Amino acid sequence: MQVICNACGGLYLRVNRVYSGAFEESVQKFLEMLGQPKRAYLTGLEEKVLSLLELKIIP
């Protein structure tokens, strides 16, 4: 159970680092959905999109 909680907490922190109200609504909704996972992992596509946003946003 602790592993799942840690995984979700880490995901929440990753999403919050890149979230911005300046994004288009579709990107905001995507990040909001990622920040409220029903599972402790991302799909391959979700991970790729979040990683891409991290590369573009975080210096």
PDB file of N, CA and C in Angstrom:
ATOM      1  N   MET A   1       0.816  -1.187   0.000  1.00  0.00           N
ATOM      2  CA  MET A   1       0.000   0.000   0.000  1.00  0.00           C
ATOM      3  C   MET A   1       0.868   1.263   0.000  1.00  0.00           C
ATOM      4  N   GLN A   2       1.960   1.243   0.756  1.00  0.00           N
ATOM      5  CA  GLN A   2       2.857   2.399   0.822  1.00  0.00           C
ATOM      6  C   GLN A   2       3.451   2.714  -0.549  1.00  0.00           C
ATOM      7  N   VAL A   3       3.795   1.680  -1.315  1.00  0.00           N
ATOM      8  CA  VAL A   3       4.365   1.877  -2.651  1.00  0.00           C
ATOM      9  C   VAL A   3       3.372   2.595  -3.548  1.00  0.00           C
ATOM     10  N   ILE A   4       2.112   2.201  -3.475  1.00  0.00           N
ATOM     11  CA  ILE A   4       1.075   2.834  -4.298  1.00  0.00           C
ATOM     12  C   ILE A   4       0.915   4.298  -3.895  1.00  0.00           C
ATOM     13  N   CYS A   5       0.880   4.572  -2.595  1.00  0.00           N
ATOM     14  CA  CYS A   5       0.746   5.964  -2.121  1.00  0.00           C
ATOM     15  C   CYS A   5       1.926   6.811  -2.569  1.00  0.00           C
ATOM     16  N   ASN A   6       3.138   6.272  -2.462  1.00  0.00           N
ATOM     17  CA  ASN A   6       4.327   7.005  -2.893  1.00  0.00           C
ATOM     18  C   ASN A   6       4.293   7.264  -4.391  1.00  0.00           C
ATOM     19  N   ALA A   7       3.875   6.274  -5.159  1.00  0.00           N
ATOM     20  CA  ALA A   7       3.812   6.435  -6.612  1.00  0.00           C
ATOM     21  C   ALA A   7       2.816   7.521  -6.983  1.00  0.00           C
ATOM     22  N   CYS A   8       1.655   7.513  -6.367  1.00  0.00           N
ATOM     23  CA  CYS A   8       0.646   8.533  -6.660  1.00  0.00           C
ATOM     24  C   CYS A   8       1.116   9.910  -6.223  1.00  0.00           C
ATOM     25  N   GLY A   9       1.769   9.999  -5.068  1.00  0.00           N
ATOM     26  CA  GLY A   9       2.290  11.284  -4.598  1.00  0.00           C
ATOM     27  C   GLY A   9       3.346  11.837  -5.527  1.00  0.00           C
ATOM     28  N   GLY A  10       4.229  10.980  -6.016  1.00  0.00           N
ATOM     29  CA  GLY A  10       5.257  11.412  -6.956  1.00  0.00           C
ATOM     30  C   GLY A  10       4.661  11.880  -8.263  1.00  0.00           C
ATOM     31  N   LEU A  11       3.643  11.190  -8.711  1.00  0.00           N
ATOM     32  CA  LEU A  11       2.960  11.583  -9.939  1.00  0.00           C
ATOM     33  C   LEU A  11       2.288  12.940  -9.751  1.00  0.00           C
ATOM     34  N   TYR A  12       1.641  13.121  -8.618  1.00  0.00           N
ATOM     35  CA  TYR A  12       0.970  14.391  -8.322  1.00  0.00           C
ATOM     36  C   TYR A  12       1.971  15.548  -8.349  1.00  0.00           C
ATOM     37  N   LEU A  13       3.146  15.334  -7.764  1.00  0.00           N
ATOM     38  CA  LEU A  13       4.179  16.374  -7.766  1.00  0.00           C
ATOM     39  C   LEU A  13       4.671  16.672  -9.175  1.00  0.00           C
ATOM     40  N   ARG A  14       4.848  15.639  -9.993  1.00  0.00           N
ATOM     41  CA  ARG A  14       5.290  15.846 -11.381  1.00  0.00           C
ATOM     42  C   ARG A  14       4.279  16.677 -12.147  1.00  0.00           C
ATOM     43  N   VAL A  15       3.002  16.349 -11.995  1.00  0.00           N
ATOM     44  CA  VAL A  15       1.953  17.078 -12.711  1.00  0.00           C
ATOM     45  C   VAL A  15       1.905  18.529 -12.244  1.00  0.00           C
ATOM     46  N   ASN A  16       1.992  18.752 -10.949  1.00  0.00           N
ATOM     47  CA  ASN A  16       1.940  20.122 -10.426  1.00  0.00           C
ATOM     48  C   ASN A  16       3.104  20.973 -10.898  1.00  0.00           C
ATOM     49  N   ARG A  17       4.271  20.371 -11.115  1.00  0.00           N
ATOM     50  CA  ARG A  17       5.430  21.140 -11.578  1.00  0.00           C
ATOM     51  C   ARG A  17       5.210  21.704 -12.976  1.00  0.00           C
ATOM     52  N   VAL A  18       4.480  21.009 -13.818  1.00  0.00           N
ATOM     53  CA  VAL A  18       4.313  21.475 -15.200  1.00  0.00           C
ATOM     54  C   VAL A  18       2.975  22.161 -15.442  1.00  0.00           C
ATOM     55  N   TYR A  19       2.023  22.047 -14.518  1.00  0.00           N
ATOM     56  CA  TYR A  19       0.693  22.620 -14.735  1.00  0.00           C
ATOM     57  C   TYR A  19       0.764  24.140 -14.807  1.00  0.00           C
ATOM     58  N   SER A  20       0.034  24.692 -15.740  1.00  0.00           N
ATOM     59  CA  SER A  20      -0.033  26.142 -15.892  1.00  0.00           C
ATOM     60  C   SER A  20      -1.404  26.526 -16.431  1.00  0.00           C
ATOM     61  N   GLY A  21      -1.963  27.583 -15.883  1.00  0.00           N
ATOM     62  CA  GLY A  21      -3.240  28.080 -16.369  1.00  0.00           C
ATOM     63  C   GLY A  21      -3.129  28.693 -17.758  1.00  0.00           C
ATOM     64  N   ALA A  22      -1.903  28.873 -18.233  1.00  0.00           N
ATOM     65  CA  ALA A  22      -1.688  29.454 -19.557  1.00  0.00           C
ATOM     66  C   ALA A  22      -1.838  28.418 -20.671  1.00  0.00           C
ATOM     67  N   PHE A  23      -1.881  27.122 -20.303  1.00  0.00           N
ATOM     68  CA  PHE A  23      -2.041  26.078 -21.317  1.00  0.00           C
ATOM     69  C   PHE A  23      -3.429  26.138 -21.935  1.00  0.00           C
ATOM     70  N   GLU A  24      -3.535  25.548 -23.119  1.00  0.00           N
ATOM     71  CA  GLU A  24      -4.845  25.382 -23.728  1.00  0.00           C
ATOM     72  C   GLU A  24      -5.682  24.492 -22.818  1.00  0.00           C
ATOM     73  N   GLU A  25      -6.988  24.630 -22.916  1.00  0.00           N
ATOM     74  CA  GLU A  25      -7.890  23.881 -22.030  1.00  0.00           C
ATOM     75  C   GLU A  25      -7.682  22.374 -22.118  1.00  0.00           C
ATOM     76  N   SER A  26      -7.422  21.867 -23.311  1.00  0.00           N
ATOM     77  CA  SER A  26      -7.237  20.420 -23.465  1.00  0.00           C
ATOM     78  C   SER A  26      -6.011  19.919 -22.692  1.00  0.00           C
ATOM     79  N   VAL A  27      -4.928  20.691 -22.685  1.00  0.00           N
ATOM     80  CA  VAL A  27      -3.721  20.303 -21.947  1.00  0.00           C
ATOM     81  C   VAL A  27      -3.985  20.394 -20.452  1.00  0.00           C
ATOM     82  N   GLN A  28      -4.685  21.440 -20.021  1.00  0.00           N
ATOM     83  CA  GLN A  28      -5.019  21.574 -18.608  1.00  0.00           C
ATOM     84  C   GLN A  28      -5.839  20.382 -18.130  1.00  0.00           C
ATOM     85  N   LYS A  29      -6.838  19.988 -18.895  1.00  0.00           N
ATOM     86  CA  LYS A  29      -7.701  18.861 -18.516  1.00  0.00           C
ATOM     87  C   LYS A  29      -6.906  17.564 -18.468  1.00  0.00           C
ATOM     88  N   PHE A  30      -6.011  17.378 -19.431  1.00  0.00           N
ATOM     89  CA  PHE A  30      -5.175  16.180 -19.443  1.00  0.00           C
ATOM     90  C   PHE A  30      -4.342  16.101 -18.164  1.00  0.00           C
ATOM     91  N   LEU A  31      -3.690  17.203 -17.798  1.00  0.00           N
ATOM     92  CA  LEU A  31      -2.862  17.225 -16.595  1.00  0.00           C
ATOM     93  C   LEU A  31      -3.703  17.043 -15.332  1.00  0.00           C
ATOM     94  N   GLU A  32      -4.892  17.630 -15.323  1.00  0.00           N
ATOM     95  CA  GLU A  32      -5.779  17.444 -14.167  1.00  0.00           C
ATOM     96  C   GLU A  32      -6.156  15.976 -14.009  1.00  0.00           C
ATOM     97  N   MET A  33      -6.426  15.314 -15.107  1.00  0.00           N
ATOM     98  CA  MET A  33      -6.771  13.891 -15.058  1.00  0.00           C
ATOM     99  C   MET A  33      -5.579  13.056 -14.594  1.00  0.00           C
ATOM    100  N   LEU A  34      -4.379  13.389 -15.049  1.00  0.00           N
ATOM    101  CA  LEU A  34      -3.190  12.662 -14.606  1.00  0.00           C
ATOM    102  C   LEU A  34      -2.944  12.856 -13.115  1.00  0.00           C
ATOM    103  N   GLY A  35      -3.293  14.014 -12.591  1.00  0.00           N
ATOM    104  CA  GLY A  35      -3.076  14.313 -11.183  1.00  0.00           C
ATOM    105  C   GLY A  35      -4.061  13.629 -10.244  1.00  0.00           C
ATOM    106  N   GLN A  36      -5.080  12.982 -10.810  1.00  0.00           N
ATOM    107  CA  GLN A  36      -6.075  12.279 -10.005  1.00  0.00           C
ATOM    108  C   GLN A  36      -6.186  10.834 -10.480  1.00  0.00           C
ATOM    109  N   PRO A  37      -5.100  10.092 -10.384  1.00  0.00           N
ATOM    110  CA  PRO A  37      -5.100   8.737 -10.956  1.00  0.00           C
ATOM    111  C   PRO A  37      -5.958   7.762 -10.175  1.00  0.00           C
ATOM    112  N   LYS A  38      -6.512   6.807 -10.892  1.00  0.00           N
ATOM    113  CA  LYS A  38      -7.236   5.709 -10.272  1.00  0.00           C
ATOM    114  C   LYS A  38      -6.327   4.488 -10.184  1.00  0.00           C
ATOM    115  N   ARG A  39      -5.079   4.677 -10.623  1.00  0.00           N
ATOM    116  CA  ARG A  39      -4.084   3.614 -10.575  1.00  0.00           C
ATOM    117  C   ARG A  39      -2.736   4.243 -10.231  1.00  0.00           C
ATOM    118  N   ALA A  40      -1.782   3.435  -9.819  1.00  0.00           N
ATOM    119  CA  ALA A  40      -0.490   3.952  -9.349  1.00  0.00           C
ATOM    120  C   ALA A  40       0.554   4.015 -10.454  1.00  0.00           C
ATOM    121  N   TYR A  41       0.144   4.017 -11.691  1.00  0.00           N
ATOM    122  CA  TYR A  41       1.090   4.057 -12.806  1.00  0.00           C
ATOM    123  C   TYR A  41       0.473   4.829 -13.960  1.00  0.00           C
ATOM    124  N   LEU A  42       1.306   5.226 -14.890  1.00  0.00           N
ATOM    125  CA  LEU A  42       0.844   5.862 -16.125  1.00  0.00           C
ATOM    126  C   LEU A  42       0.943   4.855 -17.255  1.00  0.00           C
ATOM    127  N   THR A  43       0.081   5.005 -18.235  1.00  0.00           N
ATOM    128  CA  THR A  43       0.236   4.193 -19.437  1.00  0.00           C
ATOM    129  C   THR A  43       1.469   4.705 -20.171  1.00  0.00           C
ATOM    130  N   GLY A  44       1.932   3.962 -21.135  1.00  0.00           N
ATOM    131  CA  GLY A  44       3.098   4.378 -21.910  1.00  0.00           C
ATOM    132  C   GLY A  44       2.896   5.736 -22.561  1.00  0.00           C
ATOM    133  N   LEU A  45       1.737   5.948 -23.136  1.00  0.00           N
ATOM    134  CA  LEU A  45       1.454   7.220 -23.802  1.00  0.00           C
ATOM    135  C   LEU A  45       1.372   8.369 -22.796  1.00  0.00           C
ATOM    136  N   GLU A  46       0.716   8.146 -21.656  1.00  0.00           N
ATOM    137  CA  GLU A  46       0.640   9.183 -20.635  1.00  0.00           C
ATOM    138  C   GLU A  46       2.031   9.574 -20.146  1.00  0.00           C
ATOM    139  N   GLU A  47       2.875   8.590 -19.932  1.00  0.00           N
ATOM    140  CA  GLU A  47       4.247   8.847 -19.472  1.00  0.00           C
ATOM    141  C   GLU A  47       5.019   9.656 -20.508  1.00  0.00           C
ATOM    142  N   LYS A  48       4.872   9.328 -21.785  1.00  0.00           N
ATOM    143  CA  LYS A  48       5.578  10.054 -22.843  1.00  0.00           C
ATOM    144  C   LYS A  48       5.121  11.507 -22.919  1.00  0.00           C
ATOM    145  N   VAL A  49       3.815  11.728 -22.823  1.00  0.00           N
ATOM    146  CA  VAL A  49       3.296  13.095 -22.909  1.00  0.00           C
ATOM    147  C   VAL A  49       3.744  13.914 -21.703  1.00  0.00           C
ATOM    148  N   LEU A  50       3.658  13.344 -20.508  1.00  0.00           N
ATOM    149  CA  LEU A  50       4.101  14.064 -19.316  1.00  0.00           C
ATOM    150  C   LEU A  50       5.599  14.347 -19.375  1.00  0.00           C
ATOM    151  N   SER A  51       6.377  13.392 -19.830  1.00  0.00           N
ATOM    152  CA  SER A  51       7.823  13.594 -19.957  1.00  0.00           C
ATOM    153  C   SER A  51       8.137  14.708 -20.951  1.00  0.00           C
ATOM    154  N   LEU A  52       7.415  14.744 -22.049  1.00  0.00           N
ATOM    155  CA  LEU A  52       7.608  15.804 -23.039  1.00  0.00           C
ATOM    156  C   LEU A  52       7.287  17.171 -22.440  1.00  0.00           C
ATOM    157  N   LEU A  53       6.186  17.270 -21.717  1.00  0.00           N
ATOM    158  CA  LEU A  53       5.842  18.536 -21.074  1.00  0.00           C
ATOM    159  C   LEU A  53       6.909  18.943 -20.060  1.00  0.00           C
ATOM    160  N   GLU A  54       7.430  17.982 -19.316  1.00  0.00           N
ATOM    161  CA  GLU A  54       8.492  18.282 -18.354  1.00  0.00           C
ATOM    162  C   GLU A  54       9.729  18.823 -19.055  1.00  0.00           C
ATOM    163  N   LEU A  55      10.079  18.243 -20.180  1.00  0.00           N
ATOM    164  CA  LEU A  55      11.239  18.725 -20.933  1.00  0.00           C
ATOM    165  C   LEU A  55      11.050  20.144 -21.432  1.00  0.00           C
ATOM    166  N   LYS A  56       9.825  20.486 -21.843  1.00  0.00           N
ATOM    167  CA  LYS A  56       9.547  21.795 -22.406  1.00  0.00           C
ATOM    168  C   LYS A  56       9.370  22.863 -21.340  1.00  0.00           C
ATOM    169  N   ILE A  57       8.875  22.476 -20.159  1.00  0.00           N
ATOM    170  CA  ILE A  57       8.510  23.454 -19.146  1.00  0.00           C
ATOM    171  C   ILE A  57       9.598  23.643 -18.091  1.00  0.00           C
ATOM    172  N   ILE A  58      10.173  22.544 -17.597  1.00  0.00           N
ATOM    173  CA  ILE A  58      11.128  22.610 -16.490  1.00  0.00           C
ATOM    174  C   ILE A  58      12.542  22.823 -17.034  1.00  0.00           C
ATOM    175  N   PRO A  59      13.191  23.915 -16.601  1.00  0.00           N
ATOM    176  CA  PRO A  59      14.545  24.205 -17.111  1.00  0.00           C
ATOM    177  C   PRO A  59      15.590  23.226 -16.627  1.00  0.00           C
TER     178      PRO A  59
END
